[in-house]
Every structure is written in C-alpha cells, then in structure tokens.
Amino acid sequence: MEDINIEDFLKIDLRIARIVNAESVEEADKLIKLRLDLGNEGEKTVFAGIKKAYKIEDLTDKLVVCVNNLEARKMRFGISEGMILASGDEDEGIFIISPDAGAYPGMKVK
C-alpha cells in the first residue's frame, strides 16, 4: 500500500453519525441501506456491505464513523453519499467502528 502524507490525510472529513434508519436491499446479498444523521452536517444515505454481519433492527441509533466528504457514487440500488468505517472481512467477520459514549452526530474525528 502506498503511503500518504499528512496533507492527504487532512483532506478526509471523518464525522460521527447516528444511524436513523436501516433497510435491507432485497436484491443485494451484502448491502444494507443506511440513513445517517450527521448533526449540523445534515443527513446522508450510505450503502454498506454489512448485511451478513448485522441485523437491521440492531443498527438504528447506533453511532458510527462516516467518511463525510467521499464523492457520491451511483450504485445499482441508489446513490451512496459516503462510507462508514468497519474492519474485518467476510471470513473474520465485519465490525463497525463505533465511537465511545459522549460522541455525537456531526462531531469531527481527528
């Protein structure tokens, strides 16, 4: 993997977001459609490949870390306006990166 410098890293706008709605994407094996509240930053729709790891009903109100300034991407099922951070893979399991208590929607991650 190629190294980036601090200026490249500072271009990434990471924000705390609250999942306000999660819906299964019936035609997709891996995707869940998430509606994220980013506080003063507004709301975004994000498609996340976490269907095999998380139940829809367990995601509402969960705090996550969102790449807020990722260019929107047209997908087969709609437009994804960002990305949530997760670790792992389908073999190890997928684990959403969640902030500690006290973090709130819109808070900048530094």
PDB file of N, CA and C in Angstrom:
ATOM      1  N   MET A   1       0.841  -1.167   0.000  1.00  0.00           N
ATOM      2  CA  MET A   1       0.000   0.000   0.000  1.00  0.00           C
ATOM      3  C   MET A   1       0.893   1.240   0.000  1.00  0.00           C
ATOM      4  N   GLU A   2       0.468   2.230  -0.735  1.00  0.00           N
ATOM      5  CA  GLU A   2       1.223   3.474  -0.860  1.00  0.00           C
ATOM      6  C   GLU A   2       0.981   4.376   0.353  1.00  0.00           C
ATOM      7  N   ASP A   3       2.063   4.963   0.883  1.00  0.00           N
ATOM      8  CA  ASP A   3       1.938   5.918   1.982  1.00  0.00           C
ATOM      9  C   ASP A   3       1.316   7.216   1.485  1.00  0.00           C
ATOM     10  N   ILE A   4       0.600   7.895   2.387  1.00  0.00           N
ATOM     11  CA  ILE A   4       0.091   9.226   2.086  1.00  0.00           C
ATOM     12  C   ILE A   4       0.742  10.197   3.066  1.00  0.00           C
ATOM     13  N   ASN A   5       0.745  11.474   2.709  1.00  0.00           N
ATOM     14  CA  ASN A   5       1.302  12.459   3.627  1.00  0.00           C
ATOM     15  C   ASN A   5       0.177  13.073   4.459  1.00  0.00           C
ATOM     16  N   ILE A   6       0.553  13.910   5.410  1.00  0.00           N
ATOM     17  CA  ILE A   6      -0.430  14.490   6.323  1.00  0.00           C
ATOM     18  C   ILE A   6      -1.445  15.350   5.579  1.00  0.00           C
ATOM     19  N   GLU A   7      -1.024  16.028   4.528  1.00  0.00           N
ATOM     20  CA  GLU A   7      -1.960  16.850   3.750  1.00  0.00           C
ATOM     21  C   GLU A   7      -3.039  15.984   3.100  1.00  0.00           C
ATOM     22  N   ASP A   8      -2.648  14.808   2.605  1.00  0.00           N
ATOM     23  CA  ASP A   8      -3.639  13.883   2.037  1.00  0.00           C
ATOM     24  C   ASP A   8      -4.627  13.425   3.107  1.00  0.00           C
ATOM     25  N   PHE A   9      -4.113  13.071   4.269  1.00  0.00           N
ATOM     26  CA  PHE A   9      -4.974  12.601   5.349  1.00  0.00           C
ATOM     27  C   PHE A   9      -5.944  13.687   5.798  1.00  0.00           C
ATOM     28  N   LEU A  10      -5.480  14.924   5.885  1.00  0.00           N
ATOM     29  CA  LEU A  10      -6.324  16.022   6.350  1.00  0.00           C
ATOM     30  C   LEU A  10      -7.463  16.337   5.393  1.00  0.00           C
ATOM     31  N   LYS A  11      -7.410  15.829   4.170  1.00  0.00           N
ATOM     32  CA  LYS A  11      -8.497  16.017   3.213  1.00  0.00           C
ATOM     33  C   LYS A  11      -9.711  15.159   3.554  1.00  0.00           C
ATOM     34  N   ILE A  12      -9.513  14.116   4.354  1.00  0.00           N
ATOM     35  CA  ILE A  12     -10.594  13.199   4.695  1.00  0.00           C
ATOM     36  C   ILE A  12     -11.384  13.778   5.864  1.00  0.00           C
ATOM     37  N   ASP A  13     -12.681  13.987   5.660  1.00  0.00           N
ATOM     38  CA  ASP A  13     -13.562  14.539   6.691  1.00  0.00           C
ATOM     39  C   ASP A  13     -14.308  13.387   7.361  1.00  0.00           C
ATOM     40  N   LEU A  14     -13.772  12.922   8.490  1.00  0.00           N
ATOM     41  CA  LEU A  14     -14.399  11.853   9.253  1.00  0.00           C
ATOM     42  C   LEU A  14     -15.314  12.481  10.293  1.00  0.00           C
ATOM     43  N   ARG A  15     -16.565  12.004  10.357  1.00  0.00           N
ATOM     44  CA  ARG A  15     -17.557  12.555  11.284  1.00  0.00           C
ATOM     45  C   ARG A  15     -18.285  11.428  11.995  1.00  0.00           C
ATOM     46  N   ILE A  16     -18.739  11.727  13.204  1.00  0.00           N
ATOM     47  CA  ILE A  16     -19.620  10.805  13.915  1.00  0.00           C
ATOM     48  C   ILE A  16     -21.011  10.934  13.293  1.00  0.00           C
ATOM     49  N   ALA A  17     -21.671   9.810  13.091  1.00  0.00           N
ATOM     50  CA  ALA A  17     -23.028   9.798  12.541  1.00  0.00           C
ATOM     51  C   ALA A  17     -23.871   8.817  13.344  1.00  0.00           C
ATOM     52  N   ARG A  18     -25.165   9.101  13.408  1.00  0.00           N
ATOM     53  CA  ARG A  18     -26.121   8.185  14.043  1.00  0.00           C
ATOM     54  C   ARG A  18     -26.963   7.551  12.944  1.00  0.00           C
ATOM     55  N   ILE A  19     -27.081   6.241  12.971  1.00  0.00           N
ATOM     56  CA  ILE A  19     -27.933   5.552  12.010  1.00  0.00           C
ATOM     57  C   ILE A  19     -29.384   5.794  12.432  1.00  0.00           C
ATOM     58  N   VAL A  20     -30.132   6.510  11.598  1.00  0.00           N
ATOM     59  CA  VAL A  20     -31.533   6.797  11.926  1.00  0.00           C
ATOM     60  C   VAL A  20     -32.481   5.815  11.254  1.00  0.00           C
ATOM     61  N   ASN A  21     -32.003   5.144  10.212  1.00  0.00           N
ATOM     62  CA  ASN A  21     -32.835   4.158   9.531  1.00  0.00           C
ATOM     63  C   ASN A  21     -31.924   3.158   8.816  1.00  0.00           C
ATOM     64  N   ALA A  22     -32.294   1.906   8.871  1.00  0.00           N
ATOM     65  CA  ALA A  22     -31.568   0.849   8.165  1.00  0.00           C
ATOM     66  C   ALA A  22     -32.578  -0.015   7.428  1.00  0.00           C
ATOM     67  N   GLU A  23     -32.308  -0.267   6.155  1.00  0.00           N
ATOM     68  CA  GLU A  23     -33.213  -1.075   5.340  1.00  0.00           C
ATOM     69  C   GLU A  23     -32.415  -2.133   4.578  1.00  0.00           C
ATOM     70  N   SER A  24     -32.986  -3.304   4.494  1.00  0.00           N
ATOM     71  CA  SER A  24     -32.377  -4.353   3.687  1.00  0.00           C
ATOM     72  C   SER A  24     -32.524  -3.990   2.213  1.00  0.00           C
ATOM     73  N   VAL A  25     -31.499  -4.249   1.438  1.00  0.00           N
ATOM     74  CA  VAL A  25     -31.579  -4.098  -0.018  1.00  0.00           C
ATOM     75  C   VAL A  25     -31.850  -5.507  -0.540  1.00  0.00           C
ATOM     76  N   GLU A  26     -33.106  -5.786  -0.845  1.00  0.00           N
ATOM     77  CA  GLU A  26     -33.555  -7.145  -1.156  1.00  0.00           C
ATOM     78  C   GLU A  26     -32.776  -7.783  -2.308  1.00  0.00           C
ATOM     79  N   GLU A  27     -32.428  -6.995  -3.305  1.00  0.00           N
ATOM     80  CA  GLU A  27     -31.749  -7.548  -4.487  1.00  0.00           C
ATOM     81  C   GLU A  27     -30.251  -7.751  -4.273  1.00  0.00           C
ATOM     82  N   ALA A  28     -29.742  -7.371  -3.101  1.00  0.00           N
ATOM     83  CA  ALA A  28     -28.302  -7.447  -2.834  1.00  0.00           C
ATOM     84  C   ALA A  28     -28.023  -8.414  -1.685  1.00  0.00           C
ATOM     85  N   ASP A  29     -26.988  -9.228  -1.841  1.00  0.00           N
ATOM     86  CA  ASP A  29     -26.612 -10.190  -0.811  1.00  0.00           C
ATOM     87  C   ASP A  29     -25.908  -9.542   0.380  1.00  0.00           C
ATOM     88  N   LYS A  30     -25.168  -8.446   0.137  1.00  0.00           N
ATOM     89  CA  LYS A  30     -24.322  -7.861   1.168  1.00  0.00           C
ATOM     90  C   LYS A  30     -24.768  -6.492   1.663  1.00  0.00           C
ATOM     91  N   LEU A  31     -25.580  -5.773   0.894  1.00  0.00           N
ATOM     92  CA  LEU A  31     -25.829  -4.364   1.185  1.00  0.00           C
ATOM     93  C   LEU A  31     -27.018  -4.093   2.097  1.00  0.00           C
ATOM     94  N   ILE A  32     -26.805  -3.111   2.975  1.00  0.00           N
ATOM     95  CA  ILE A  32     -27.863  -2.514   3.776  1.00  0.00           C
ATOM     96  C   ILE A  32     -27.852  -1.025   3.451  1.00  0.00           C
ATOM     97  N   LYS A  33     -29.035  -0.451   3.269  1.00  0.00           N
ATOM     98  CA  LYS A  33     -29.165   0.982   3.020  1.00  0.00           C
ATOM     99  C   LYS A  33     -29.317   1.676   4.370  1.00  0.00           C
ATOM    100  N   LEU A  34     -28.405   2.613   4.655  1.00  0.00           N
ATOM    101  CA  LEU A  34     -28.408   3.333   5.918  1.00  0.00           C
ATOM    102  C   LEU A  34     -28.713   4.803   5.688  1.00  0.00           C
ATOM    103  N   ARG A  35     -29.539   5.368   6.545  1.00  0.00           N
ATOM    104  CA  ARG A  35     -29.758   6.820   6.560  1.00  0.00           C
ATOM    105  C   ARG A  35     -29.032   7.322   7.800  1.00  0.00           C
ATOM    106  N   LEU A  36     -28.070   8.224   7.586  1.00  0.00           N
ATOM    107  CA  LEU A  36     -27.218   8.716   8.660  1.00  0.00           C
ATOM    108  C   LEU A  36     -27.548  10.156   9.019  1.00  0.00           C
ATOM    109  N   ASP A  37     -27.594  10.438  10.307  1.00  0.00           N
ATOM    110  CA  ASP A  37     -27.732  11.800  10.819  1.00  0.00           C
ATOM    111  C   ASP A  37     -26.339  12.267  11.210  1.00  0.00           C
ATOM    112  N   LEU A  38     -25.890  13.359  10.567  1.00  0.00           N
ATOM    113  CA  LEU A  38     -24.580  13.932  10.847  1.00  0.00           C
ATOM    114  C   LEU A  38     -24.706  15.281  11.550  1.00  0.00           C
ATOM    115  N   GLY A  39     -25.745  15.452  12.355  1.00  0.00           N
ATOM    116  CA  GLY A  39     -25.928  16.684  13.106  1.00  0.00           C
ATOM    117  C   GLY A  39     -26.058  17.883  12.179  1.00  0.00           C
ATOM    118  N   ASN A  40     -25.258  18.916  12.422  1.00  0.00           N
ATOM    119  CA  ASN A  40     -25.293  20.130  11.606  1.00  0.00           C
ATOM    120  C   ASN A  40     -24.872  19.895  10.163  1.00  0.00           C
ATOM    121  N   GLU A  41     -24.253  18.758   9.887  1.00  0.00           N
ATOM    122  CA  GLU A  41     -23.824  18.411   8.528  1.00  0.00           C
ATOM    123  C   GLU A  41     -24.979  17.863   7.693  1.00  0.00           C
ATOM    124  N   GLY A  42     -26.125  17.583   8.322  1.00  0.00           N
ATOM    125  CA  GLY A  42     -27.294  17.076   7.599  1.00  0.00           C
ATOM    126  C   GLY A  42     -27.398  15.560   7.642  1.00  0.00           C
ATOM    127  N   GLU A  43     -28.088  15.004   6.663  1.00  0.00           N
ATOM    128  CA  GLU A  43     -28.269  13.552   6.559  1.00  0.00           C
ATOM    129  C   GLU A  43     -27.674  13.043   5.262  1.00  0.00           C
ATOM    130  N   LYS A  44     -27.290  11.775   5.273  1.00  0.00           N
ATOM    131  CA  LYS A  44     -26.745  11.123   4.084  1.00  0.00           C
ATOM    132  C   LYS A  44     -27.284   9.708   4.000  1.00  0.00           C
ATOM    133  N   THR A  45     -27.367   9.218   2.775  1.00  0.00           N
ATOM    134  CA  THR A  45     -27.677   7.813   2.528  1.00  0.00           C
ATOM    135  C   THR A  45     -26.380   7.106   2.157  1.00  0.00           C
ATOM    136  N   VAL A  46     -26.149   5.976   2.804  1.00  0.00           N
ATOM    137  CA  VAL A  46     -24.938   5.190   2.564  1.00  0.00           C
ATOM    138  C   VAL A  46     -25.347   3.733   2.396  1.00  0.00           C
ATOM    139  N   PHE A  47     -24.764   3.071   1.416  1.00  0.00           N
ATOM    140  CA  PHE A  47     -24.949   1.629   1.255  1.00  0.00           C
ATOM    141  C   PHE A  47     -23.710   0.946   1.829  1.00  0.00           C
ATOM    142  N   ALA A  48     -23.921   0.039   2.774  1.00  0.00           N
ATOM    143  CA  ALA A  48     -22.811  -0.640   3.443  1.00  0.00           C
ATOM    144  C   ALA A  48     -22.923  -2.145   3.259  1.00  0.00           C
ATOM    145  N   GLY A  49     -21.820  -2.793   2.995  1.00  0.00           N
ATOM    146  CA  GLY A  49     -21.777  -4.236   2.782  1.00  0.00           C
ATOM    147  C   GLY A  49     -21.684  -5.001   4.090  1.00  0.00           C
ATOM    148  N   ILE A  50     -22.682  -4.844   4.942  1.00  0.00           N
ATOM    149  CA  ILE A  50     -22.648  -5.432   6.283  1.00  0.00           C
ATOM    150  C   ILE A  50     -23.823  -6.364   6.579  1.00  0.00           C
ATOM    151  N   LYS A  51     -24.574  -6.721   5.548  1.00  0.00           N
ATOM    152  CA  LYS A  51     -25.810  -7.498   5.743  1.00  0.00           C
ATOM    153  C   LYS A  51     -25.577  -8.831   6.449  1.00  0.00           C
ATOM    154  N   LYS A  52     -24.471  -9.501   6.164  1.00  0.00           N
ATOM    155  CA  LYS A  52     -24.224 -10.808   6.766  1.00  0.00           C
ATOM    156  C   LYS A  52     -23.759 -10.710   8.217  1.00  0.00           C
ATOM    157  N   ALA A  53     -23.351  -9.507   8.645  1.00  0.00           N
ATOM    158  CA  ALA A  53     -22.806  -9.347   9.986  1.00  0.00           C
ATOM    159  C   ALA A  53     -23.759  -8.683  10.972  1.00  0.00           C
ATOM    160  N   TYR A  54     -24.758  -7.935  10.467  1.00  0.00           N
ATOM    161  CA  TYR A  54     -25.627  -7.151  11.352  1.00  0.00           C
ATOM    162  C   TYR A  54     -27.091  -7.347  10.997  1.00  0.00           C
ATOM    163  N   LYS A  55     -27.923  -7.376  12.033  1.00  0.00           N
ATOM    164  CA  LYS A  55     -29.364  -7.405  11.849  1.00  0.00           C
ATOM    165  C   LYS A  55     -29.850  -5.964  11.708  1.00  0.00           C
ATOM    166  N   ILE A  56     -30.793  -5.757  10.816  1.00  0.00           N
ATOM    167  CA  ILE A  56     -31.343  -4.423  10.564  1.00  0.00           C
ATOM    168  C   ILE A  56     -31.787  -3.757  11.872  1.00  0.00           C
ATOM    169  N   GLU A  57     -32.514  -4.482  12.697  1.00  0.00           N
ATOM    170  CA  GLU A  57     -33.074  -3.906  13.915  1.00  0.00           C
ATOM    171  C   GLU A  57     -32.016  -3.507  14.941  1.00  0.00           C
ATOM    172  N   ASP A  58     -30.795  -4.030  14.818  1.00  0.00           N
ATOM    173  CA  ASP A  58     -29.723  -3.680  15.759  1.00  0.00           C
ATOM    174  C   ASP A  58     -28.957  -2.427  15.345  1.00  0.00           C
ATOM    175  N   LEU A  59     -29.235  -1.900  14.173  1.00  0.00           N
ATOM    176  CA  LEU A  59     -28.452  -0.769  13.664  1.00  0.00           C
ATOM    177  C   LEU A  59     -29.034   0.602  13.998  1.00  0.00           C
ATOM    178  N   THR A  60     -30.339   0.703  14.140  1.00  0.00           N
ATOM    179  CA  THR A  60     -30.964   2.001  14.412  1.00  0.00           C
ATOM    180  C   THR A  60     -30.432   2.584  15.719  1.00  0.00           C
ATOM    181  N   ASP A  61     -30.053   3.851  15.671  1.00  0.00           N
ATOM    182  CA  ASP A  61     -29.499   4.624  16.792  1.00  0.00           C
ATOM    183  C   ASP A  61     -28.037   4.317  17.095  1.00  0.00           C
ATOM    184  N   LYS A  62     -27.418   3.426  16.354  1.00  0.00           N
ATOM    185  CA  LYS A  62     -26.006   3.115  16.556  1.00  0.00           C
ATOM    186  C   LYS A  62     -25.158   4.279  16.046  1.00  0.00           C
ATOM    187  N   LEU A  63     -24.144   4.673  16.830  1.00  0.00           N
ATOM    188  CA  LEU A  63     -23.191   5.681  16.377  1.00  0.00           C
ATOM    189  C   LEU A  63     -22.088   5.011  15.580  1.00  0.00           C
ATOM    190  N   VAL A  64     -21.707   5.634  14.472  1.00  0.00           N
ATOM    191  CA  VAL A  64     -20.678   5.113  13.581  1.00  0.00           C
ATOM    192  C   VAL A  64     -19.756   6.260  13.169  1.00  0.00           C
ATOM    193  N   VAL A  65     -18.654   5.904  12.514  1.00  0.00           N
ATOM    194  CA  VAL A  65     -17.753   6.899  11.929  1.00  0.00           C
ATOM    195  C   VAL A  65     -18.001   6.890  10.426  1.00  0.00           C
ATOM    196  N   CYS A  66     -18.203   8.071   9.864  1.00  0.00           N
ATOM    197  CA  CYS A  66     -18.553   8.225   8.449  1.00  0.00           C
ATOM    198  C   CYS A  66     -17.490   9.049   7.729  1.00  0.00           C
ATOM    199  N   VAL A  67     -17.130   8.618   6.518  1.00  0.00           N
ATOM    200  CA  VAL A  67     -16.330   9.461   5.629  1.00  0.00           C
ATOM    201  C   VAL A  67     -17.328  10.412   4.992  1.00  0.00           C
ATOM    202  N   ASN A  68     -17.324  11.652   5.452  1.00  0.00           N
ATOM    203  CA  ASN A  68     -18.355  12.626   5.106  1.00  0.00           C
ATOM    204  C   ASN A  68     -18.141  13.257   3.738  1.00  0.00           C
ATOM    205  N   ASN A  69     -16.904  13.353   3.299  1.00  0.00           N
ATOM    206  CA  ASN A  69     -16.634  14.059   2.041  1.00  0.00           C
ATOM    207  C   ASN A  69     -16.244  13.116   0.901  1.00  0.00           C
ATOM    208  N   LEU A  70     -16.672  11.873   0.988  1.00  0.00           N
ATOM    209  CA  LEU A  70     -16.451  10.939  -0.116  1.00  0.00           C
ATOM    210  C   LEU A  70     -17.401  11.291  -1.253  1.00  0.00           C
ATOM    211  N   GLU A  71     -16.879  11.342  -2.443  1.00  0.00           N
ATOM    212  CA  GLU A  71     -17.712  11.674  -3.607  1.00  0.00           C
ATOM    213  C   GLU A  71     -18.866  10.682  -3.722  1.00  0.00           C
ATOM    214  N   ALA A  72     -20.069  11.198  -3.943  1.00  0.00           N
ATOM    215  CA  ALA A  72     -21.246  10.339  -4.098  1.00  0.00           C
ATOM    216  C   ALA A  72     -21.031   9.374  -5.265  1.00  0.00           C
ATOM    217  N   ARG A  73     -21.556   8.168  -5.103  1.00  0.00           N
ATOM    218  CA  ARG A  73     -21.358   7.126  -6.115  1.00  0.00           C
ATOM    219  C   ARG A  73     -22.694   6.497  -6.475  1.00  0.00           C
ATOM    220  N   LYS A  74     -23.008   6.503  -7.752  1.00  0.00           N
ATOM    221  CA  LYS A  74     -24.234   5.873  -8.224  1.00  0.00           C
ATOM    222  C   LYS A  74     -24.026   4.369  -8.234  1.00  0.00           C
ATOM    223  N   MET A  75     -24.931   3.691  -7.538  1.00  0.00           N
ATOM    224  CA  MET A  75     -24.886   2.233  -7.488  1.00  0.00           C
ATOM    225  C   MET A  75     -26.164   1.701  -8.120  1.00  0.00           C
ATOM    226  N   ARG A  76     -26.235   0.430  -8.309  1.00  0.00           N
ATOM    227  CA  ARG A  76     -27.410  -0.181  -8.920  1.00  0.00           C
ATOM    228  C   ARG A  76     -28.677   0.083  -8.109  1.00  0.00           C
ATOM    229  N   PHE A  77     -28.533   0.249  -6.802  1.00  0.00           N
ATOM    230  CA  PHE A  77     -29.677   0.365  -5.908  1.00  0.00           C
ATOM    231  C   PHE A  77     -29.959   1.798  -5.462  1.00  0.00           C
ATOM    232  N   GLY A  78     -29.125   2.742  -5.880  1.00  0.00           N
ATOM    233  CA  GLY A  78     -29.294   4.137  -5.482  1.00  0.00           C
ATOM    234  C   GLY A  78     -27.951   4.833  -5.392  1.00  0.00           C
ATOM    235  N   ILE A  79     -27.947   6.014  -4.818  1.00  0.00           N
ATOM    236  CA  ILE A  79     -26.720   6.794  -4.694  1.00  0.00           C
ATOM    237  C   ILE A  79     -26.204   6.690  -3.265  1.00  0.00           C
ATOM    238  N   SER A  80     -24.938   6.316  -3.110  1.00  0.00           N
ATOM    239  CA  SER A  80     -24.286   6.256  -1.812  1.00  0.00           C
ATOM    240  C   SER A  80     -23.487   7.540  -1.641  1.00  0.00           C
ATOM    241  N   GLU A  81     -23.750   8.257  -0.542  1.00  0.00           N
ATOM    242  CA  GLU A  81     -23.182   9.580  -0.335  1.00  0.00           C
ATOM    243  C   GLU A  81     -22.025   9.608   0.660  1.00  0.00           C
ATOM    244  N   GLY A  82     -21.507   8.463   1.011  1.00  0.00           N
ATOM    245  CA  GLY A  82     -20.407   8.403   1.963  1.00  0.00           C
ATOM    246  C   GLY A  82     -20.049   6.963   2.235  1.00  0.00           C
ATOM    247  N   MET A  83     -19.377   6.737   3.358  1.00  0.00           N
ATOM    248  CA  MET A  83     -18.954   5.394   3.734  1.00  0.00           C
ATOM    249  C   MET A  83     -18.838   5.344   5.249  1.00  0.00           C
ATOM    250  N   ILE A  84     -19.252   4.234   5.847  1.00  0.00           N
ATOM    251  CA  ILE A  84     -18.992   4.057   7.269  1.00  0.00           C
ATOM    252  C   ILE A  84     -17.740   3.200   7.410  1.00  0.00           C
ATOM    253  N   LEU A  85     -17.016   3.373   8.508  1.00  0.00           N
ATOM    254  CA  LEU A  85     -15.794   2.624   8.731  1.00  0.00           C
ATOM    255  C   LEU A  85     -16.090   1.312   9.447  1.00  0.00           C
ATOM    256  N   ALA A  86     -15.465   0.253   8.962  1.00  0.00           N
ATOM    257  CA  ALA A  86     -15.585  -1.070   9.563  1.00  0.00           C
ATOM    258  C   ALA A  86     -14.264  -1.798   9.357  1.00  0.00           C
ATOM    259  N   SER A  87     -14.041  -2.824  10.155  1.00  0.00           N
ATOM    260  CA  SER A  87     -12.839  -3.639   9.999  1.00  0.00           C
ATOM    261  C   SER A  87     -13.248  -5.074   9.713  1.00  0.00           C
ATOM    262  N   GLY A  88     -12.261  -5.886   9.329  1.00  0.00           N
ATOM    263  CA  GLY A  88     -12.501  -7.291   9.071  1.00  0.00           C
ATOM    264  C   GLY A  88     -12.952  -7.570   7.656  1.00  0.00           C
ATOM    265  N   ASP A  89     -13.426  -8.787   7.465  1.00  0.00           N
ATOM    266  CA  ASP A  89     -13.925  -9.221   6.173  1.00  0.00           C
ATOM    267  C   ASP A  89     -14.918 -10.359   6.403  1.00  0.00           C
ATOM    268  N   GLU A  90     -15.413 -10.929   5.329  1.00  0.00           N
ATOM    269  CA  GLU A  90     -16.432 -11.975   5.478  1.00  0.00           C
ATOM    270  C   GLU A  90     -15.902 -13.221   6.183  1.00  0.00           C
ATOM    271  N   ASP A  91     -14.599 -13.500   6.076  1.00  0.00           N
ATOM    272  CA  ASP A  91     -14.038 -14.668   6.756  1.00  0.00           C
ATOM    273  C   ASP A  91     -13.871 -14.428   8.256  1.00  0.00           C
ATOM    274  N   GLU A  92     -13.352 -13.252   8.628  1.00  0.00           N
ATOM    275  CA  GLU A  92     -13.099 -12.927  10.036  1.00  0.00           C
ATOM    276  C   GLU A  92     -14.341 -12.385  10.734  1.00  0.00           C
ATOM    277  N   GLY A  93     -15.242 -11.823   9.948  1.00  0.00           N
ATOM    278  CA  GLY A  93     -16.380 -11.093  10.474  1.00  0.00           C
ATOM    279  C   GLY A  93     -16.193  -9.621  10.162  1.00  0.00           C
ATOM    280  N   ILE A  94     -17.286  -8.884  10.142  1.00  0.00           N
ATOM    281  CA  ILE A  94     -17.245  -7.454   9.862  1.00  0.00           C
ATOM    282  C   ILE A  94     -17.633  -6.735  11.147  1.00  0.00           C
ATOM    283  N   PHE A  95     -16.849  -5.709  11.513  1.00  0.00           N
ATOM    284  CA  PHE A  95     -17.039  -4.999  12.765  1.00  0.00           C
ATOM    285  C   PHE A  95     -17.076  -3.494  12.502  1.00  0.00           C
ATOM    286  N   ILE A  96     -18.236  -2.887  12.725  1.00  0.00           N
ATOM    287  CA  ILE A  96     -18.382  -1.447  12.547  1.00  0.00           C
ATOM    288  C   ILE A  96     -17.552  -0.728  13.610  1.00  0.00           C
ATOM    289  N   ILE A  97     -16.818   0.295  13.183  1.00  0.00           N
ATOM    290  CA  ILE A  97     -16.066   1.127  14.116  1.00  0.00           C
ATOM    291  C   ILE A  97     -17.052   2.080  14.790  1.00  0.00           C
ATOM    292  N   SER A  98     -17.136   2.007  16.117  1.00  0.00           N
ATOM    293  CA  SER A  98     -18.095   2.813  16.868  1.00  0.00           C
ATOM    294  C   SER A  98     -17.361   3.695  17.876  1.00  0.00           C
ATOM    295  N   PRO A  99     -17.803   4.948  18.015  1.00  0.00           N
ATOM    296  CA  PRO A  99     -17.169   5.840  18.989  1.00  0.00           C
ATOM    297  C   PRO A  99     -17.628   5.537  20.414  1.00  0.00           C
ATOM    298  N   ASP A 100     -16.866   6.019  21.367  1.00  0.00           N
ATOM    299  CA  ASP A 100     -17.225   5.883  22.778  1.00  0.00           C
ATOM    300  C   ASP A 100     -18.380   6.808  23.132  1.00  0.00           C
ATOM    301  N   ALA A 101     -18.957   6.574  24.293  1.00  0.00           N
ATOM    302  CA  ALA A 101     -20.016   7.425  24.817  1.00  0.00           C
ATOM    303  C   ALA A 101     -19.506   8.859  24.918  1.00  0.00           C
ATOM    304  N   GLY A 102     -20.393   9.801  24.627  1.00  0.00           N
ATOM    305  CA  GLY A 102     -20.029  11.211  24.664  1.00  0.00           C
ATOM    306  C   GLY A 102     -19.879  11.804  23.276  1.00  0.00           C
ATOM    307  N   ALA A 103     -19.595  10.965  22.297  1.00  0.00           N
ATOM    308  CA  ALA A 103     -19.514  11.438  20.906  1.00  0.00           C
ATOM    309  C   ALA A 103     -20.936  11.712  20.426  1.00  0.00           C
ATOM    310  N   TYR A 104     -21.081  12.628  19.484  1.00  0.00           N
ATOM    311  CA  TYR A 104     -22.409  12.994  18.999  1.00  0.00           C
ATOM    312  C   TYR A 104     -22.370  13.218  17.492  1.00  0.00           C
ATOM    313  N   PRO A 105     -23.524  13.086  16.822  1.00  0.00           N
ATOM    314  CA  PRO A 105     -23.589  13.260  15.367  1.00  0.00           C
ATOM    315  C   PRO A 105     -23.043  14.612  14.924  1.00  0.00           C
ATOM    316  N   GLY A 106     -22.171  14.557  13.922  1.00  0.00           N
ATOM    317  CA  GLY A 106     -21.549  15.750  13.377  1.00  0.00           C
ATOM    318  C   GLY A 106     -20.175  16.041  13.948  1.00  0.00           C
ATOM    319  N   MET A 107     -19.844  15.437  15.087  1.00  0.00           N
ATOM    320  CA  MET A 107     -18.536  15.677  15.705  1.00  0.00           C
ATOM    321  C   MET A 107     -17.433  15.227  14.747  1.00  0.00           C
ATOM    322  N   LYS A 108     -16.412  16.056  14.599  1.00  0.00           N
ATOM    323  CA  LYS A 108     -15.292  15.736  13.717  1.00  0.00           C
ATOM    324  C   LYS A 108     -14.370  14.737  14.399  1.00  0.00           C
ATOM    325  N   VAL A 109     -13.918  13.757  13.649  1.00  0.00           N
ATOM    326  CA  VAL A 109     -12.947  12.770  14.151  1.00  0.00           C
ATOM    327  C   VAL A 109     -11.568  13.254  13.737  1.00  0.00           C
ATOM    328  N   LYS A 110     -10.678  13.353  14.710  1.00  0.00           N
ATOM    329  CA  LYS A 110      -9.312  13.854  14.443  1.00  0.00           C
ATOM    330  C   LYS A 110      -8.303  12.809  14.847  1.00  0.00           C
TER     331      LYS A 110
END
